[in-house]
N, C-alpha and C. Protein backbone atom coordinates (compact mmCIF):
# COMPACT_ATOMS: atom_id res chain seq x y z
N UNK A 1 0.81 -1.12 0.03
CA UNK A 1 0.04 0.21 0.08
C UNK A 1 1.01 1.09 -0.02
N UNK A 2 0.44 2.32 -0.74
CA UNK A 2 1.08 3.40 -1.18
C UNK A 2 1.22 4.12 0.52
N UNK A 3 2.52 5.04 0.53
CA UNK A 3 2.20 5.48 1.96
C UNK A 3 1.27 6.93 1.69
N UNK A 4 0.83 7.39 2.60
CA UNK A 4 -0.28 8.83 2.60
C UNK A 4 0.54 9.69 2.62
N UNK A 5 0.19 10.47 1.58
CA UNK A 5 0.74 11.72 1.49
C UNK A 5 0.26 12.99 2.08
N UNK A 6 -1.06 13.01 1.86
CA UNK A 6 -1.78 14.32 2.05
C UNK A 6 -3.14 13.71 2.84
N UNK A 7 -3.29 14.68 3.55
CA UNK A 7 -4.83 14.62 4.80
C UNK A 7 -6.00 15.41 4.31
N UNK A 8 -5.84 16.60 3.50
CA UNK A 8 -7.12 17.25 3.24
C UNK A 8 -8.19 16.54 3.01
N UNK A 9 -9.26 17.22 3.70
CA UNK A 9 -10.70 16.51 2.96
C UNK A 9 -11.17 17.18 1.77
N UNK A 10 -11.45 16.25 0.59
CA UNK A 10 -12.05 16.52 -0.39
C UNK A 10 -13.41 16.20 -0.49
N UNK A 11 -14.05 17.25 -1.33
CA UNK A 11 -15.69 16.68 -1.66
C UNK A 11 -15.65 16.64 -3.19
N UNK A 12 -16.17 15.32 -3.66
CA UNK A 12 -15.95 15.19 -4.99
C UNK A 12 -17.46 14.89 -5.68
N UNK A 13 -17.99 15.57 -6.53
CA UNK A 13 -19.13 15.74 -6.97
C UNK A 13 -19.42 14.70 -8.16
N UNK A 14 -20.24 13.92 -8.35
CA UNK A 14 -19.86 12.97 -9.54
C UNK A 14 -19.67 11.90 -9.63
N UNK A 15 -19.90 10.72 -9.93
CA UNK A 15 -18.86 9.73 -9.72
C UNK A 15 -19.08 8.65 -11.21
N UNK A 16 -19.14 9.88 -12.07
CA UNK A 16 -18.61 9.13 -13.63
C UNK A 16 -17.25 8.92 -13.75
N UNK A 17 -16.85 8.56 -15.02
CA UNK A 17 -15.38 8.32 -15.31
C UNK A 17 -14.44 9.28 -14.84
N UNK A 18 -14.74 10.73 -14.99
CA UNK A 18 -13.87 11.42 -14.47
C UNK A 18 -13.75 11.41 -12.93
N UNK A 19 -14.99 11.96 -12.48
CA UNK A 19 -15.15 12.63 -11.02
C UNK A 19 -14.89 10.52 -10.25
N UNK A 20 -15.21 9.68 -10.69
CA UNK A 20 -14.70 8.90 -10.24
C UNK A 20 -13.08 8.21 -9.88
N UNK A 21 -12.39 8.74 -11.16
CA UNK A 21 -11.07 8.52 -11.34
C UNK A 21 -10.50 9.64 -10.26
N UNK A 22 -10.92 10.95 -10.11
CA UNK A 22 -10.39 11.69 -9.39
C UNK A 22 -10.27 11.14 -7.92
N UNK A 23 -11.70 10.96 -7.26
CA UNK A 23 -11.87 10.53 -6.29
C UNK A 23 -10.94 9.37 -5.86
N UNK A 24 -10.94 8.05 -6.67
CA UNK A 24 -10.23 6.94 -6.18
C UNK A 24 -8.70 7.50 -5.96
N UNK A 25 -8.48 8.47 -7.17
CA UNK A 25 -6.87 8.61 -7.13
C UNK A 25 -6.56 9.65 -5.80
N UNK A 26 -7.48 10.29 -5.53
CA UNK A 26 -7.29 11.36 -4.42
C UNK A 26 -7.11 10.41 -2.74
N UNK A 27 -7.93 9.60 -3.19
CA UNK A 27 -7.94 8.40 -1.84
C UNK A 27 -6.74 7.80 -1.61
N UNK A 28 -6.34 7.40 -2.72
CA UNK A 28 -4.89 6.80 -2.81
C UNK A 28 -3.64 7.68 -2.16
N UNK A 29 -3.86 8.58 -2.50
CA UNK A 29 -2.77 9.46 -2.37
C UNK A 29 -2.91 9.91 -1.04
N UNK A 30 -3.88 9.68 -0.14
CA UNK A 30 -4.17 9.70 1.32
C UNK A 30 -5.18 11.04 1.68
N UNK A 31 -5.95 11.72 0.69
CA UNK A 31 -6.85 12.59 0.90
C UNK A 31 -7.99 11.79 1.67
N UNK A 32 -9.08 12.25 2.25
CA UNK A 32 -10.43 11.97 3.14
C UNK A 32 -11.12 12.49 2.11
N UNK A 33 -11.85 11.52 1.07
CA UNK A 33 -12.56 11.72 0.04
C UNK A 33 -14.04 11.63 0.44
N UNK A 34 -15.08 12.38 0.38
CA UNK A 34 -16.43 12.55 0.20
C UNK A 34 -17.15 12.49 -1.09
N UNK A 35 -17.41 11.41 -1.37
CA UNK A 35 -18.04 11.51 -2.75
C UNK A 35 -19.50 11.39 -2.70
N UNK A 36 -20.21 12.16 -3.62
CA UNK A 36 -21.61 12.47 -3.98
C UNK A 36 -21.85 12.33 -5.35
N UNK A 37 -23.25 11.21 -5.18
CA UNK A 37 -23.56 10.73 -6.42
C UNK A 37 -25.05 10.77 -6.45
N UNK A 38 -25.84 11.48 -7.36
CA UNK A 38 -27.30 11.10 -7.51
C UNK A 38 -27.75 9.64 -7.74
N UNK A 39 -27.20 9.07 -8.74
CA UNK A 39 -27.34 7.98 -8.93
C UNK A 39 -27.00 6.74 -7.76
N UNK A 40 -28.23 6.23 -7.18
CA UNK A 40 -27.99 5.41 -6.31
C UNK A 40 -27.18 4.08 -6.20
N UNK A 41 -27.07 3.33 -7.46
CA UNK A 41 -26.41 2.55 -8.14
C UNK A 41 -25.12 2.56 -8.39
N UNK A 42 -24.98 3.84 -9.11
CA UNK A 42 -23.48 4.46 -8.95
C UNK A 42 -22.75 4.63 -7.67
N UNK A 43 -23.69 5.33 -7.02
CA UNK A 43 -22.65 5.55 -5.69
C UNK A 43 -22.24 4.38 -4.95
N UNK A 44 -23.19 3.42 -4.83
CA UNK A 44 -22.96 1.97 -4.19
C UNK A 44 -21.68 1.27 -4.78
N UNK A 45 -21.24 1.68 -5.91
CA UNK A 45 -19.96 1.22 -6.48
C UNK A 45 -18.59 1.49 -5.75
N UNK A 46 -18.89 3.01 -5.14
CA UNK A 46 -17.85 3.32 -4.79
C UNK A 46 -17.56 3.01 -3.41
N UNK A 47 -18.50 2.29 -2.33
CA UNK A 47 -18.58 2.05 -1.00
C UNK A 47 -17.41 1.45 -0.54
N UNK A 48 -16.50 1.87 0.16
CA UNK A 48 -15.37 1.29 0.69
C UNK A 48 -13.99 1.74 -0.32
N UNK A 49 -14.28 2.52 -1.49
CA UNK A 49 -13.07 2.87 -2.28
C UNK A 49 -12.75 4.37 -1.65
N UNK A 50 -13.40 5.11 -1.26
CA UNK A 50 -13.54 6.25 -0.37
C UNK A 50 -13.72 6.43 0.93
N UNK A 51 -13.48 7.66 1.57
CA UNK A 51 -13.74 7.91 2.84
C UNK A 51 -15.35 7.88 2.86
N UNK A 52 -16.02 8.09 2.34
CA UNK A 52 -17.45 8.12 2.68
C UNK A 52 -18.48 8.07 1.41
N UNK A 53 -19.26 7.86 0.85
CA UNK A 53 -19.98 8.07 -0.43
C UNK A 53 -21.30 8.17 0.27
N UNK A 54 -21.98 9.72 -0.44
CA UNK A 54 -23.23 9.86 -0.30
C UNK A 54 -24.08 9.96 -1.27
N UNK A 55 -25.33 9.56 -1.38
CA UNK A 55 -26.29 9.27 -2.28
C UNK A 55 -27.06 10.55 -2.23
N UNK A 56 -26.86 11.64 -3.32
CA UNK A 56 -27.64 12.84 -3.17
C UNK A 56 -27.33 13.84 -4.72
N UNK A 57 -28.55 14.82 -4.30
CA UNK A 57 -28.47 15.72 -5.77
C UNK A 57 -27.77 16.72 -5.19
N UNK A 58 -26.65 16.96 -5.45
CA UNK A 58 -25.72 18.36 -5.29
C UNK A 58 -26.27 19.67 -5.84
N UNK A 59 -27.06 19.42 -6.74
CA UNK A 59 -27.31 20.66 -7.76
C UNK A 59 -28.58 21.29 -6.86
N UNK A 60 -29.08 20.53 -5.51
CA UNK A 60 -30.14 21.12 -4.86
C UNK A 60 -29.05 22.04 -3.68
N UNK A 61 -29.25 23.33 -3.37
CA UNK A 61 -28.84 23.75 -1.95
C UNK A 61 -28.85 22.95 -0.74
N UNK A 62 -30.04 22.58 -0.46
CA UNK A 62 -29.94 22.10 0.75
C UNK A 62 -29.10 20.49 1.01
N UNK A 63 -29.03 19.80 -0.09
CA UNK A 63 -28.38 18.73 -0.24
C UNK A 63 -26.74 19.21 -0.12
N UNK A 64 -26.51 20.53 -0.46
CA UNK A 64 -25.01 20.80 -0.11
C UNK A 64 -24.89 21.05 1.51
N UNK A 65 -25.92 21.73 1.74
CA UNK A 65 -25.86 22.47 3.13
C UNK A 65 -25.82 21.04 4.21
N UNK A 66 -26.68 20.13 3.76
CA UNK A 66 -26.57 18.76 4.66
C UNK A 66 -24.99 18.24 4.62
N UNK A 67 -24.32 18.31 3.36
CA UNK A 67 -22.90 17.76 3.50
C UNK A 67 -21.76 18.83 4.38
N UNK A 68 -22.47 20.09 4.93
CA UNK A 68 -21.71 20.46 5.74
C UNK A 68 -20.47 21.01 4.68
N UNK A 69 -20.54 21.42 3.75
CA UNK A 69 -19.58 21.62 2.48
C UNK A 69 -18.67 22.83 3.24
N UNK A 70 -19.20 23.68 3.85
CA UNK A 70 -18.57 24.78 4.25
C UNK A 70 -16.66 24.43 5.08
N UNK A 71 -17.02 23.24 5.30
CA UNK A 71 -15.63 22.51 6.11
C UNK A 71 -14.62 21.80 5.32
N UNK A 72 -14.98 22.07 4.02
CA UNK A 72 -14.20 21.50 3.05
C UNK A 72 -13.25 22.52 2.38
N UNK A 73 -11.86 22.22 2.27
CA UNK A 73 -11.02 23.38 1.52
C UNK A 73 -11.00 23.20 0.04
N UNK A 74 -11.28 21.81 -0.54
CA UNK A 74 -11.37 21.88 -1.77
C UNK A 74 -12.20 20.93 -2.34
N UNK A 75 -12.67 21.36 -3.57
CA UNK A 75 -14.13 20.56 -4.14
C UNK A 75 -13.66 20.11 -5.58
N UNK A 76 -14.24 19.01 -6.09
CA UNK A 76 -14.20 19.05 -7.50
C UNK A 76 -15.64 18.31 -7.89
N UNK A 77 -15.98 19.20 -8.94
CA UNK A 77 -17.50 18.82 -9.47
C UNK A 77 -16.87 17.79 -10.81
N UNK A 78 -17.26 16.64 -10.85
CA UNK A 78 -17.28 15.93 -11.92
C UNK A 78 -18.36 15.67 -12.91
N UNK A 79 -19.54 16.25 -12.64
CA UNK A 79 -20.71 16.16 -13.26
C UNK A 79 -20.52 16.34 -14.85
N UNK A 80 -20.95 15.44 -15.58
CA UNK A 80 -20.49 15.49 -17.19
C UNK A 80 -21.66 15.26 -18.16
N UNK A 81 -22.81 14.90 -17.35
CA UNK A 81 -24.32 14.31 -17.91
C UNK A 81 -25.09 15.69 -18.23
N UNK A 82 -24.88 16.65 -17.22
CA UNK A 82 -25.74 17.89 -17.76
C UNK A 82 -25.02 19.02 -17.16
N UNK A 83 -24.87 20.39 -18.16
CA UNK A 83 -24.14 21.28 -18.07
C UNK A 83 -25.23 22.47 -16.76
N UNK A 84 -26.44 21.85 -16.66
CA UNK A 84 -27.17 22.65 -15.86
C UNK A 84 -26.91 22.17 -14.40
N UNK A 85 -26.91 20.75 -14.11
CA UNK A 85 -26.77 20.43 -13.21
C UNK A 85 -25.42 20.75 -12.72
N UNK A 86 -24.39 20.53 -13.45
CA UNK A 86 -22.93 21.12 -13.10
C UNK A 86 -22.85 22.59 -12.65
N UNK A 87 -23.46 23.53 -13.33
CA UNK A 87 -23.55 24.87 -13.02
C UNK A 87 -24.03 25.02 -11.53
N UNK A 88 -25.45 24.54 -11.36
CA UNK A 88 -26.50 24.67 -10.39
C UNK A 88 -25.23 24.02 -9.01
N UNK A 89 -24.57 22.86 -9.22
CA UNK A 89 -23.82 22.31 -8.17
C UNK A 89 -22.65 23.46 -7.77
N UNK A 90 -21.95 23.95 -8.98
CA UNK A 90 -20.89 24.58 -8.63
C UNK A 90 -21.37 26.13 -7.90
N UNK A 91 -22.15 26.56 -8.34
CA UNK A 91 -22.60 27.62 -7.46
C UNK A 91 -22.99 27.49 -6.30
N UNK A 92 -23.83 26.21 -6.05
CA UNK A 92 -24.06 25.88 -4.46
C UNK A 92 -22.57 25.67 -3.55
N UNK A 93 -21.30 25.26 -3.98
CA UNK A 93 -20.36 25.02 -3.62
C UNK A 93 -19.43 26.52 -3.45
N UNK A 94 -19.67 27.26 -4.19
CA UNK A 94 -19.09 28.97 -4.24
C UNK A 94 -20.09 29.39 -3.17
N UNK A 95 -21.49 29.35 -3.12
CA UNK A 95 -22.07 30.25 -2.17
C UNK A 95 -21.69 29.73 -0.98
N UNK A 96 -21.21 28.17 -0.56
CA UNK A 96 -21.02 27.90 0.85
C UNK A 96 -19.54 28.05 1.06
N UNK A 97 -18.89 28.96 0.26
CA UNK A 97 -17.24 29.58 0.45
C UNK A 97 -16.33 28.40 0.83
N UNK A 98 -16.34 27.40 -0.18
CA UNK A 98 -15.15 26.41 -0.39
C UNK A 98 -14.12 27.60 -1.36
N UNK A 99 -13.08 27.66 -0.74
CA UNK A 99 -12.10 28.28 -1.24
C UNK A 99 -11.50 27.80 -2.59
N UNK A 100 -11.29 26.50 -2.74
CA UNK A 100 -10.68 25.82 -4.07
C UNK A 100 -11.76 25.00 -4.71
N UNK A 101 -12.19 25.08 -6.30
CA UNK A 101 -13.03 24.29 -6.57
C UNK A 101 -12.53 23.98 -7.90
N UNK A 102 -12.45 23.05 -8.36
CA UNK A 102 -12.15 21.97 -9.52
C UNK A 102 -13.38 21.41 -10.38
N UNK A 103 -13.53 22.04 -11.62
CA UNK A 103 -14.88 21.66 -12.27
C UNK A 103 -14.77 21.07 -13.23
N UNK A 104 -15.23 20.10 -14.06
CA UNK A 104 -14.85 19.47 -15.28
C UNK A 104 -15.74 20.21 -16.38
N UNK A 105 -15.39 20.59 -17.66
CA UNK A 105 -16.36 21.31 -18.61
C UNK A 105 -16.85 20.58 -19.88
N UNK A 106 -17.61 20.09 -20.24
CA UNK A 106 -17.85 19.33 -21.25
C UNK A 106 -17.63 20.25 -22.24
N UNK A 107 -17.75 21.44 -22.74
CA UNK A 107 -17.62 22.60 -23.78
C UNK A 107 -16.87 23.56 -23.58
N UNK A 108 -16.27 24.55 -24.31
CA UNK A 108 -15.78 25.65 -23.98
C UNK A 108 -16.92 26.61 -23.56
N UNK A 109 -18.09 26.94 -23.56
CA UNK A 109 -19.07 27.58 -23.30
C UNK A 109 -19.36 27.32 -21.95
N UNK A 110 -19.31 25.93 -21.64
CA UNK A 110 -19.66 25.58 -20.23
C UNK A 110 -18.55 26.22 -19.12
N UNK A 111 -17.40 25.83 -19.74
CA UNK A 111 -16.06 26.34 -18.84
C UNK A 111 -16.17 27.65 -18.60
N UNK A 112 -16.58 28.59 -19.49
CA UNK A 112 -16.79 30.11 -19.45
C UNK A 112 -17.92 30.55 -18.21
N UNK A 113 -18.77 29.55 -18.33
CA UNK A 113 -20.02 29.58 -17.22
C UNK A 113 -19.13 29.38 -15.82
N UNK A 114 -18.66 28.21 -16.00
CA UNK A 114 -17.97 27.89 -14.71
C UNK A 114 -16.98 29.02 -14.15
N UNK A 115 -16.25 29.43 -14.70
CA UNK A 115 -15.29 30.63 -14.63
C UNK A 115 -15.97 31.63 -13.89
N UNK A 116 -17.21 32.01 -14.72
CA UNK A 116 -17.76 33.20 -14.23
C UNK A 116 -18.30 33.46 -12.98
N UNK A 117 -18.78 32.27 -12.64
CA UNK A 117 -19.48 31.85 -11.41
C UNK A 117 -18.58 31.63 -10.06
N UNK A 118 -17.36 31.50 -10.64
CA UNK A 118 -16.29 31.26 -9.72
C UNK A 118 -15.46 30.40 -9.00
N UNK A 119 -15.66 29.53 -10.17
CA UNK A 119 -14.79 28.00 -10.26
C UNK A 119 -13.16 28.36 -10.69
N UNK A 120 -12.36 27.89 -9.61
CA UNK A 120 -11.31 28.33 -9.57
C UNK A 120 -10.17 27.95 -10.66
N UNK A 121 -10.79 26.52 -10.91
CA UNK A 121 -10.04 25.73 -12.05
C UNK A 121 -10.85 24.96 -12.93
N UNK A 122 -10.96 25.32 -13.81
CA UNK A 122 -11.68 24.64 -15.10
C UNK A 122 -10.93 23.92 -15.85
N UNK A 123 -11.18 22.10 -15.99
CA UNK A 123 -10.76 21.20 -16.60
C UNK A 123 -11.38 20.40 -17.65
N UNK A 124 -10.59 19.75 -18.50
CA UNK A 124 -11.37 18.81 -19.57
C UNK A 124 -11.49 17.55 -19.19
N UNK A 125 -12.39 16.82 -19.57
CA UNK A 125 -12.93 15.43 -19.40
C UNK A 125 -11.90 14.30 -19.41
N UNK A 126 -12.23 13.25 -18.98
CA UNK A 126 -11.47 11.98 -19.25
C UNK A 126 -10.60 11.58 -17.96
N UNK A 127 -10.57 10.07 -17.78
CA UNK A 127 -9.77 9.50 -16.69
C UNK A 127 -8.58 9.91 -16.35
N UNK A 128 -8.00 10.01 -17.64
CA UNK A 128 -6.52 10.25 -17.24
C UNK A 128 -6.32 11.70 -17.04
N UNK A 129 -7.32 12.56 -17.36
CA UNK A 129 -7.19 13.99 -16.94
C UNK A 129 -7.23 13.91 -15.32
N UNK A 130 -8.30 13.30 -14.95
CA UNK A 130 -8.58 12.98 -13.38
C UNK A 130 -7.26 12.64 -12.66
N UNK A 131 -6.65 11.43 -13.44
CA UNK A 131 -5.70 11.19 -12.27
C UNK A 131 -4.37 12.39 -12.41
N UNK A 132 -4.12 13.12 -13.79
CA UNK A 132 -3.29 14.22 -13.46
C UNK A 132 -3.64 15.47 -12.52
N UNK A 133 -4.78 15.72 -12.30
CA UNK A 133 -5.59 16.77 -11.51
C UNK A 133 -5.50 16.34 -10.10
N UNK A 134 -5.31 15.09 -9.94
CA UNK A 134 -5.49 14.51 -8.52
C UNK A 134 -4.24 14.91 -7.75
N UNK A 135 -3.08 14.86 -8.52
CA UNK A 135 -1.69 15.00 -8.25
C UNK A 135 -1.36 16.50 -8.08
N UNK A 136 -1.89 17.15 -8.71
CA UNK A 136 -1.87 18.65 -8.85
C UNK A 136 -2.37 19.68 -7.94
N UNK A 137 -3.54 19.22 -7.69
CA UNK A 137 -4.83 20.21 -7.04
C UNK A 137 -4.05 20.32 -5.19
N UNK A 138 -3.05 19.32 -4.86
CA UNK A 138 -2.53 19.39 -3.45
C UNK A 138 -1.30 20.70 -3.28
N UNK A 139 -1.17 21.39 -4.45
CA UNK A 139 -0.14 22.21 -4.84
C UNK A 139 1.02 21.88 -4.68
N UNK A 140 1.67 20.70 -4.42
CA UNK A 140 2.74 20.13 -4.42
C UNK A 140 3.43 19.97 -5.71
N UNK A 141 2.92 19.95 -6.84
CA UNK A 141 3.45 19.89 -8.13
C UNK A 141 2.64 20.96 -8.97
N UNK A 142 3.80 21.24 -10.24
CA UNK A 142 3.42 22.25 -10.77
C UNK A 142 2.85 21.77 -11.96
N UNK A 143 3.29 20.82 -12.59
CA UNK A 143 2.76 19.88 -13.61
C UNK A 143 3.47 18.51 -13.75
N UNK A 144 2.16 17.51 -14.13
CA UNK A 144 2.54 16.09 -13.88
C UNK A 144 1.77 15.56 -15.07
N UNK A 145 3.01 14.59 -15.70
CA UNK A 145 2.61 13.71 -16.86
C UNK A 145 3.11 12.23 -16.55
N UNK A 146 2.00 11.57 -16.54
CA UNK A 146 2.44 10.00 -16.36
C UNK A 146 2.35 9.28 -17.47
N UNK A 147 3.07 8.06 -17.60
CA UNK A 147 3.33 7.19 -18.73
C UNK A 147 2.48 5.81 -18.40
N UNK A 148 2.36 4.87 -19.21
CA UNK A 148 1.71 4.07 -19.06
C UNK A 148 2.36 2.75 -18.27
N UNK A 149 3.56 2.76 -18.29
CA UNK A 149 4.50 1.65 -17.11
C UNK A 149 4.81 2.65 -15.72
N UNK A 150 3.78 3.38 -15.63
CA UNK A 150 4.45 3.78 -13.86
C UNK A 150 5.26 4.67 -13.82
N UNK A 151 5.87 5.51 -15.02
CA UNK A 151 6.72 6.46 -14.71
C UNK A 151 6.24 7.99 -15.23
N UNK A 152 6.82 8.66 -14.78
CA UNK A 152 6.07 10.07 -14.79
C UNK A 152 7.30 11.20 -14.97
N UNK A 153 7.55 12.38 -15.16
CA UNK A 153 8.03 13.70 -15.23
C UNK A 153 7.32 14.44 -14.59
N UNK A 154 7.53 15.18 -13.84
CA UNK A 154 7.23 16.32 -13.05
C UNK A 154 7.79 17.49 -13.19
N UNK A 155 7.03 18.94 -12.78
CA UNK A 155 7.42 20.28 -12.42
C UNK A 155 7.42 20.64 -11.51
N UNK A 156 8.44 20.61 -10.38
CA UNK A 156 7.93 20.88 -9.17
C UNK A 156 8.90 22.24 -8.55
N UNK A 157 8.36 22.84 -7.69
CA UNK A 157 9.56 23.68 -6.54
C UNK A 157 10.57 22.53 -6.04
N UNK A 158 11.58 23.12 -5.53
CA UNK A 158 12.58 22.18 -5.29
C UNK A 158 12.36 22.13 -3.58
N UNK A 159 12.31 20.89 -3.00
CA UNK A 159 12.14 20.79 -1.78
C UNK A 159 13.64 21.29 -0.96
N UNK A 160 13.11 21.46 0.27
CA UNK A 160 14.00 22.45 1.19
C UNK A 160 15.30 21.93 1.41
N UNK A 161 15.58 20.73 1.32
CA UNK A 161 16.76 20.05 1.44
C UNK A 161 17.70 20.26 0.42
N UNK A 162 17.29 20.39 -0.87
CA UNK A 162 18.18 20.68 -2.09
C UNK A 162 18.59 22.37 -2.04
N UNK A 163 17.98 23.12 -1.48
CA UNK A 163 18.20 24.72 -1.76
C UNK A 163 19.51 24.86 -1.28
N UNK A 164 20.32 25.50 -2.14
CA UNK A 164 21.72 25.98 -1.39
C UNK A 164 22.79 25.18 -1.88
N UNK A 165 22.49 24.08 -2.36
CA UNK A 165 23.20 22.65 -2.78
C UNK A 165 23.05 22.47 -4.29
N UNK A 166 24.52 21.86 -4.73
CA UNK A 166 24.43 20.94 -5.86
C UNK A 166 24.01 19.79 -5.89
N UNK A 167 23.42 19.30 -6.97
CA UNK A 167 22.54 18.02 -6.92
C UNK A 167 23.46 16.78 -6.64
N UNK A 168 24.86 17.23 -6.89
CA UNK A 168 25.74 15.97 -6.25
C UNK A 168 25.77 16.26 -4.33
N UNK A 169 25.66 17.32 -4.12
CA UNK A 169 25.59 17.49 -2.31
C UNK A 169 24.30 17.04 -1.80
N UNK A 170 23.28 17.29 -2.69
CA UNK A 170 21.77 16.90 -2.00
C UNK A 170 21.73 15.31 -2.28
N UNK A 171 22.17 15.13 -3.26
CA UNK A 171 21.97 13.64 -3.37
C UNK A 171 20.54 13.22 -3.70
N UNK A 172 19.60 13.96 -4.29
CA UNK A 172 18.63 13.56 -4.51
C UNK A 172 17.90 11.96 -5.21
N UNK A 173 19.30 12.02 -6.42
CA UNK A 173 18.88 10.60 -7.02
C UNK A 173 19.11 9.34 -6.15
N UNK A 174 20.28 9.59 -5.19
CA UNK A 174 20.33 8.34 -4.33
C UNK A 174 19.22 8.08 -3.16
N UNK A 175 18.85 9.41 -2.70
CA UNK A 175 18.14 9.22 -1.87
C UNK A 175 16.56 8.96 -2.07
N UNK A 176 15.97 9.44 -3.34
CA UNK A 176 14.83 9.41 -3.93
C UNK A 176 14.20 8.37 -5.01
N UNK A 177 15.59 8.25 -5.94
CA UNK A 177 15.34 7.04 -6.90
C UNK A 177 14.92 7.84 -8.22
N UNK A 178 14.97 9.21 -8.08
CA UNK A 178 14.44 10.04 -9.21
C UNK A 178 15.68 10.73 -9.57
N UNK A 179 15.53 11.47 -10.93
CA UNK A 179 16.45 11.70 -11.30
C UNK A 179 16.00 13.60 -11.96
N UNK A 180 16.86 14.35 -11.44
CA UNK A 180 16.44 15.75 -11.64
C UNK A 180 16.86 16.11 -13.08
N UNK A 181 16.13 16.11 -14.07
CA UNK A 181 16.57 16.26 -15.63
C UNK A 181 16.83 17.99 -15.86
N UNK A 182 16.11 18.60 -15.45
CA UNK A 182 16.60 19.98 -15.65
C UNK A 182 16.31 20.96 -14.49
N UNK A 183 16.65 22.31 -14.87
CA UNK A 183 16.52 23.35 -13.87
C UNK A 183 16.23 24.56 -14.72
N UNK A 184 15.03 25.92 -14.18
CA UNK A 184 14.92 26.66 -14.63
C UNK A 184 14.47 27.94 -13.68
N UNK A 185 15.33 28.91 -13.89
CA UNK A 185 14.76 29.92 -13.16
C UNK A 185 14.18 31.05 -13.81
N UNK A 186 13.37 31.88 -12.95
CA UNK A 186 12.72 32.80 -13.76
C UNK A 186 13.77 34.12 -14.76
N UNK A 187 13.37 34.02 -15.80
CA UNK A 187 14.07 34.73 -16.87
C UNK A 187 15.41 34.23 -17.29
N UNK A 188 15.53 33.45 -17.29
CA UNK A 188 16.67 32.37 -17.80
C UNK A 188 16.09 31.21 -18.69
N UNK A 189 16.94 30.69 -19.42
CA UNK A 189 16.51 29.47 -20.44
C UNK A 189 16.51 27.91 -19.67
N UNK A 190 16.05 27.10 -19.92
CA UNK A 190 15.88 25.82 -19.20
C UNK A 190 17.57 25.26 -19.51
N UNK A 191 17.62 24.70 -18.21
CA UNK A 191 19.27 24.31 -18.01
C UNK A 191 19.25 22.76 -17.84
N UNK A 192 19.63 22.06 -18.84
CA UNK A 192 20.02 20.43 -18.27
C UNK A 192 20.56 20.22 -16.99
N UNK A 193 20.30 19.28 -16.21
CA UNK A 193 20.99 19.27 -15.01
C UNK A 193 22.23 18.34 -15.00
N UNK A 194 23.06 18.87 -14.10
CA UNK A 194 24.25 18.00 -13.87
C UNK A 194 25.12 17.83 -12.69
N UNK A 195 25.58 17.05 -11.95
CA UNK A 195 26.02 17.02 -10.62
C UNK A 195 26.34 18.53 -9.96
N UNK A 196 27.12 19.40 -10.94
CA UNK A 196 27.41 20.67 -10.28
C UNK A 196 26.37 21.74 -10.36
N UNK A 197 25.19 21.49 -10.75
CA UNK A 197 23.84 22.37 -10.87
C UNK A 197 23.39 22.48 -9.57
N UNK A 198 23.61 24.04 -9.24
CA UNK A 198 23.40 24.35 -7.41
C UNK A 198 21.90 25.07 -7.98
N UNK A 199 21.36 24.50 -6.94
CA UNK A 199 19.68 24.63 -6.83
C UNK A 199 19.53 25.78 -5.90
N UNK A 200 18.76 26.74 -6.36
CA UNK A 200 18.15 27.85 -5.61
C UNK A 200 16.65 27.97 -5.30
N UNK A 201 16.28 28.57 -4.44
CA UNK A 201 14.76 28.65 -4.16
C UNK A 201 13.81 28.76 -4.99
N UNK A 202 14.49 30.06 -6.30
CA UNK A 202 13.64 30.39 -7.47
C UNK A 202 13.53 29.53 -8.33
N UNK A 203 14.49 28.29 -8.31
CA UNK A 203 14.26 27.36 -9.31
C UNK A 203 12.94 26.35 -9.57
N UNK A 204 12.71 26.17 -10.64
CA UNK A 204 11.84 25.17 -10.85
C UNK A 204 12.39 24.03 -11.39
N UNK A 205 12.16 22.77 -10.61
CA UNK A 205 12.61 21.39 -11.21
C UNK A 205 12.12 20.29 -12.18
N UNK A 206 12.54 20.21 -13.38
CA UNK A 206 12.03 19.11 -14.15
C UNK A 206 12.43 17.72 -13.51
N UNK A 207 11.55 16.68 -12.90
CA UNK A 207 12.22 15.56 -12.41
C UNK A 207 11.39 14.19 -13.30
N UNK A 208 12.29 13.43 -13.42
CA UNK A 208 11.65 12.05 -13.82
C UNK A 208 12.08 11.10 -12.94
N UNK A 209 11.04 9.92 -12.94
CA UNK A 209 11.19 8.47 -12.18
C UNK A 209 9.82 7.98 -12.18
N UNK A 210 9.95 6.64 -11.34
CA UNK A 210 8.89 6.14 -11.02
C UNK A 210 7.72 6.93 -10.17
N UNK A 211 6.41 6.76 -10.49
CA UNK A 211 5.13 7.88 -9.96
C UNK A 211 5.25 7.68 -8.33
N UNK A 212 5.52 6.49 -7.72
CA UNK A 212 5.40 6.54 -6.27
C UNK A 212 6.64 6.92 -5.83
N UNK A 213 7.59 6.97 -6.23
CA UNK A 213 9.06 7.79 -6.06
C UNK A 213 8.89 9.00 -5.86
N UNK A 214 8.45 9.48 -6.91
CA UNK A 214 8.32 11.09 -7.30
C UNK A 214 7.33 11.78 -6.09
N UNK A 215 6.19 11.01 -5.93
CA UNK A 215 5.38 11.20 -4.68
C UNK A 215 6.02 11.54 -3.49
N UNK A 216 6.86 10.79 -3.26
CA UNK A 216 7.71 10.54 -2.11
C UNK A 216 8.40 12.18 -2.04
N UNK A 217 9.11 12.62 -3.08
CA UNK A 217 10.16 13.46 -3.30
C UNK A 217 8.80 14.58 -3.11
N UNK A 218 7.74 14.44 -3.77
CA UNK A 218 6.84 15.64 -3.58
C UNK A 218 6.35 16.17 -2.28
N UNK A 219 6.21 15.00 -1.32
CA UNK A 219 5.75 15.25 -0.10
C UNK A 219 6.69 15.91 0.94
N UNK A 220 8.06 16.18 0.56
CA UNK A 220 8.91 16.85 1.21
C UNK A 220 8.91 18.20 1.46
N UNK A 221 9.10 18.85 2.64
CA UNK A 221 8.95 20.25 2.80
C UNK A 221 9.68 21.13 1.89
């Protein structure tokens, strides 16, 4: 079992292909996930796969109030079957004061509506996007690309233990089993990393390696 890295409670609305992928991946990463689905049979499929599953229609304000949505810092709207239901649900979450809301858009027009009502992050559909979003919304990674064989490339801020040291001195590769491919500082060109590369707090790192090992490095302060 993968080590739990994150502890934030996340509210996921809609358990279709996208929402289900987000919910399960967030749970695997260590988040406490409360998943809400209007379809009772679909909701039942996720029992035991996330922290809690609720059968409810989140397009209704009272249903969102019953979830005590104000206690969540992050919410994901994965509804794709109805633009109206998606927008109403997002409005309810915005009204509840959830500071960070991610929502799936099934068209550019749908996306513009979501942005205008206060959704912070509008995203494209499909399960692979769901997995990517799960890695990004905790704020540890700036970008994430995963390949079929469990290998990934990420863009991330440097961990504190690497700042002020060369890559040889911080020994990220031997400690974590991942490779710093390159570094980028504001206003400067991308540079391929070498053992003598000195990392500063202003650098962005491009790191490659097995997904689980990258998650371990990303969990470092």
